[in-house]
N, C-alpha and C. Protein backbone atom coordinates (compact mmCIF):
# COMPACT_ATOMS: atom_id res chain seq x y z
N MET A 1 -14.05 -0.38 24.13
CA MET A 1 -13.56 -0.98 23.11
C MET A 1 -12.13 -0.49 22.91
N ASN A 2 -11.26 -1.37 22.16
CA ASN A 2 -9.79 -1.03 21.88
C ASN A 2 -9.72 -1.64 20.88
N ALA A 3 -9.01 -0.29 19.87
CA ALA A 3 -8.81 -0.57 18.37
C ALA A 3 -7.73 -0.07 18.17
N LEU A 4 -7.19 -0.51 16.68
CA LEU A 4 -6.12 0.62 16.21
C LEU A 4 -6.71 1.21 15.02
N VAL A 5 -6.54 2.45 14.60
CA VAL A 5 -7.24 3.14 13.43
C VAL A 5 -6.18 3.80 12.64
N GLY A 6 -5.68 3.78 11.42
CA GLY A 6 -4.96 4.22 10.71
C GLY A 6 -5.66 5.99 10.43
N LEU A 7 -4.89 6.76 10.99
CA LEU A 7 -5.33 8.28 10.73
C LEU A 7 -4.40 9.41 10.07
N SER A 8 -3.07 8.32 9.50
CA SER A 8 -2.18 9.17 8.65
C SER A 8 -2.91 9.34 7.11
N PHE A 9 -1.59 9.43 6.29
CA PHE A 9 -1.89 9.37 4.71
C PHE A 9 -1.55 8.19 4.23
N SER A 10 -1.90 7.91 2.89
CA SER A 10 -2.01 6.67 2.38
C SER A 10 -0.36 6.44 2.01
N ALA A 11 0.12 7.46 1.70
CA ALA A 11 1.69 7.13 1.42
C ALA A 11 2.28 6.30 2.53
N LEU A 12 1.88 6.71 3.85
CA LEU A 12 2.45 6.09 5.02
C LEU A 12 2.26 4.70 5.34
N SER A 13 0.88 4.19 4.52
CA SER A 13 0.52 3.06 4.87
C SER A 13 1.31 1.79 4.27
N SER A 14 1.65 0.97 5.39
CA SER A 14 2.87 0.43 5.18
C SER A 14 2.22 -1.27 4.43
N THR A 15 0.56 -0.85 4.39
CA THR A 15 -0.26 -2.25 3.73
C THR A 15 -0.99 -1.77 2.26
N GLY A 16 -0.89 -0.27 2.01
CA GLY A 16 -1.14 0.15 0.80
C GLY A 16 -2.65 0.40 0.73
N ASN A 17 -3.40 0.27 2.13
CA ASN A 17 -4.78 0.84 2.18
C ASN A 17 -4.88 2.30 2.55
N SER A 18 -6.16 2.51 1.86
CA SER A 18 -6.36 3.86 2.42
C SER A 18 -6.86 4.10 4.15
N PRO A 19 -6.23 5.06 4.64
CA PRO A 19 -6.84 5.59 6.21
C PRO A 19 -8.28 5.74 6.37
N LEU A 20 -8.73 5.31 7.29
CA LEU A 20 -10.22 5.45 7.70
C LEU A 20 -10.86 6.90 7.08
N VAL A 21 -10.14 7.83 7.78
CA VAL A 21 -10.68 9.41 7.17
C VAL A 21 -10.70 9.52 5.77
N GLN A 22 -9.83 9.15 4.97
CA GLN A 22 -9.79 9.20 3.45
C GLN A 22 -10.91 8.17 3.01
N THR A 23 -10.93 7.21 3.58
CA THR A 23 -12.11 6.04 3.04
C THR A 23 -13.75 6.72 3.01
N LEU A 24 -13.78 7.34 4.55
CA LEU A 24 -15.08 7.71 4.77
C LEU A 24 -14.98 9.22 4.09
N ARG A 25 -14.31 10.11 3.68
CA ARG A 25 -14.44 11.46 3.01
C ARG A 25 -14.62 10.75 1.52
N ASP A 26 -13.80 9.74 0.79
CA ASP A 26 -14.19 9.39 -0.33
C ASP A 26 -15.57 8.81 -0.89
N GLU A 27 -16.20 8.28 0.34
CA GLU A 27 -17.36 7.60 0.43
C GLU A 27 -18.57 8.85 0.51
N GLY A 28 -18.23 10.11 0.89
CA GLY A 28 -19.40 11.01 1.26
C GLY A 28 -19.70 10.82 2.47
N LYS A 29 -19.02 10.11 3.68
CA LYS A 29 -19.74 9.89 4.72
C LYS A 29 -19.32 10.78 5.96
N LEU A 30 -18.30 11.81 5.77
CA LEU A 30 -18.13 12.92 6.20
C LEU A 30 -18.65 14.37 6.11
N ALA A 31 -19.24 14.88 7.03
CA ALA A 31 -19.75 16.48 6.82
C ALA A 31 -18.48 17.28 6.21
N ASP A 32 -17.21 17.07 7.02
CA ASP A 32 -16.04 17.58 6.73
C ASP A 32 -14.88 16.65 6.86
N PRO A 33 -13.80 16.94 6.06
CA PRO A 33 -12.69 15.96 6.18
C PRO A 33 -11.77 16.40 7.34
N VAL A 34 -12.49 15.96 8.51
CA VAL A 34 -11.74 16.48 9.71
C VAL A 34 -11.79 15.23 10.85
N PHE A 35 -10.96 15.16 11.67
CA PHE A 35 -11.27 14.51 13.07
C PHE A 35 -10.65 15.19 14.30
N GLY A 36 -11.12 14.91 15.28
CA GLY A 36 -10.98 15.46 16.73
C GLY A 36 -10.71 14.47 17.54
N PHE A 37 -9.88 14.92 18.64
CA PHE A 37 -9.80 13.68 19.65
C PHE A 37 -9.47 14.41 21.26
N LYS A 38 -10.28 13.89 22.21
CA LYS A 38 -9.78 14.26 23.35
C LYS A 38 -9.29 13.18 24.29
N LEU A 39 -8.00 13.62 24.82
CA LEU A 39 -7.63 12.14 25.81
C LEU A 39 -7.70 12.46 27.18
N ASN A 40 -8.41 11.48 27.79
CA ASN A 40 -8.71 11.68 29.35
C ASN A 40 -8.64 10.53 30.09
N ASP A 41 -8.21 10.82 31.16
CA ASP A 41 -8.48 9.22 32.04
C ASP A 41 -9.86 8.57 31.99
N THR A 42 -10.70 9.46 31.87
CA THR A 42 -12.05 8.82 31.68
C THR A 42 -12.85 9.90 30.86
N GLY A 43 -13.47 9.59 29.95
CA GLY A 43 -14.48 10.21 28.92
C GLY A 43 -13.64 10.64 27.85
N SER A 44 -12.60 9.93 27.09
CA SER A 44 -11.75 10.05 26.23
C SER A 44 -12.92 10.05 24.83
N GLU A 45 -12.46 10.89 23.87
CA GLU A 45 -13.49 11.08 22.80
C GLU A 45 -12.89 11.02 21.52
N LEU A 46 -13.55 10.48 20.56
CA LEU A 46 -12.81 10.43 18.98
C LEU A 46 -14.09 10.96 17.96
N SER A 47 -13.73 11.85 17.19
CA SER A 47 -14.84 12.24 16.54
C SER A 47 -14.48 12.25 14.95
N PHE A 48 -15.41 11.80 14.30
CA PHE A 48 -15.04 12.13 12.65
C PHE A 48 -15.92 13.09 11.90
N GLY A 49 -15.49 13.88 10.94
CA GLY A 49 -16.30 14.76 10.53
C GLY A 49 -17.14 15.95 10.93
N SER A 50 -16.55 16.38 12.02
CA SER A 50 -16.79 17.30 12.98
C SER A 50 -16.09 17.64 14.04
N LEU A 51 -15.90 18.70 14.70
CA LEU A 51 -15.39 18.75 16.16
C LEU A 51 -16.20 18.87 17.14
N ASN A 52 -16.02 18.49 18.38
CA ASN A 52 -17.12 18.75 19.45
C ASN A 52 -16.61 20.18 20.14
N LYS A 53 -17.52 20.96 19.77
CA LYS A 53 -17.20 22.46 20.19
C LYS A 53 -17.30 22.89 21.88
N ASP A 54 -17.85 21.66 22.38
CA ASP A 54 -17.97 21.90 23.75
C ASP A 54 -16.45 21.38 24.60
N LEU A 55 -15.78 21.02 23.82
CA LEU A 55 -14.32 20.67 24.48
C LEU A 55 -13.29 22.05 24.00
N TYR A 56 -13.60 23.05 23.48
CA TYR A 56 -12.61 23.72 22.96
C TYR A 56 -13.18 25.36 23.11
N THR A 57 -12.58 26.30 23.27
CA THR A 57 -12.96 27.78 23.13
C THR A 57 -12.19 28.45 21.84
N GLY A 58 -12.91 29.37 21.63
CA GLY A 58 -12.21 30.03 20.43
C GLY A 58 -12.19 29.29 18.93
N GLU A 59 -11.47 29.73 18.14
CA GLU A 59 -12.06 28.97 16.70
C GLU A 59 -10.46 27.84 16.60
N PRO A 60 -10.81 26.94 15.73
CA PRO A 60 -9.55 26.20 15.37
C PRO A 60 -8.84 26.43 14.45
N THR A 61 -7.50 26.55 14.37
CA THR A 61 -6.54 27.03 13.22
C THR A 61 -6.58 25.87 12.15
N TYR A 62 -6.72 26.14 11.06
CA TYR A 62 -6.64 25.18 10.12
C TYR A 62 -5.64 25.44 9.57
N VAL A 63 -4.54 24.49 9.41
CA VAL A 63 -3.49 24.65 8.18
C VAL A 63 -3.22 23.72 6.99
N PRO A 64 -3.20 24.09 6.09
CA PRO A 64 -3.06 23.23 4.80
C PRO A 64 -1.86 22.30 5.02
N VAL A 65 -1.98 21.27 4.37
CA VAL A 65 -1.14 20.22 4.53
C VAL A 65 -0.69 19.65 3.14
N SER A 66 0.71 20.19 2.82
CA SER A 66 1.11 19.91 1.74
C SER A 66 2.08 18.47 1.69
N GLY A 67 2.50 18.07 0.67
CA GLY A 67 3.95 17.01 0.45
C GLY A 67 3.06 15.78 0.55
N GLU A 68 3.95 14.60 -0.02
CA GLU A 68 3.35 13.36 -0.53
C GLU A 68 2.84 12.56 0.83
N VAL A 69 4.03 12.92 1.95
CA VAL A 69 3.53 12.04 3.09
C VAL A 69 2.61 12.91 4.19
N GLY A 70 2.55 14.21 4.34
CA GLY A 70 1.61 15.15 4.92
C GLY A 70 2.21 15.61 6.04
N HIS A 71 3.43 15.45 6.08
CA HIS A 71 4.17 16.28 7.36
C HIS A 71 4.44 17.87 6.92
N ASP A 72 4.76 18.28 5.43
CA ASP A 72 4.97 19.39 5.38
C ASP A 72 3.82 20.45 5.49
N ALA A 73 3.86 21.15 6.57
CA ALA A 73 2.69 22.18 6.89
C ALA A 73 3.28 23.49 6.55
């Protein structure tokens, strides 16, 4: 499947629509408001609401995002 999904912030949307993660969070459909991805020649993966712990070691570092467009961390 090929698709284009907005994963940024609403303030960056050229259409004014809420990004997918924001919409899923607002509808209560995510366990956590996170997403993760693995890019590979074969077996790439995108997850919403949780992280695949089989794909990394240690603990993830979470950084609060501030600013209107989300790039000020």
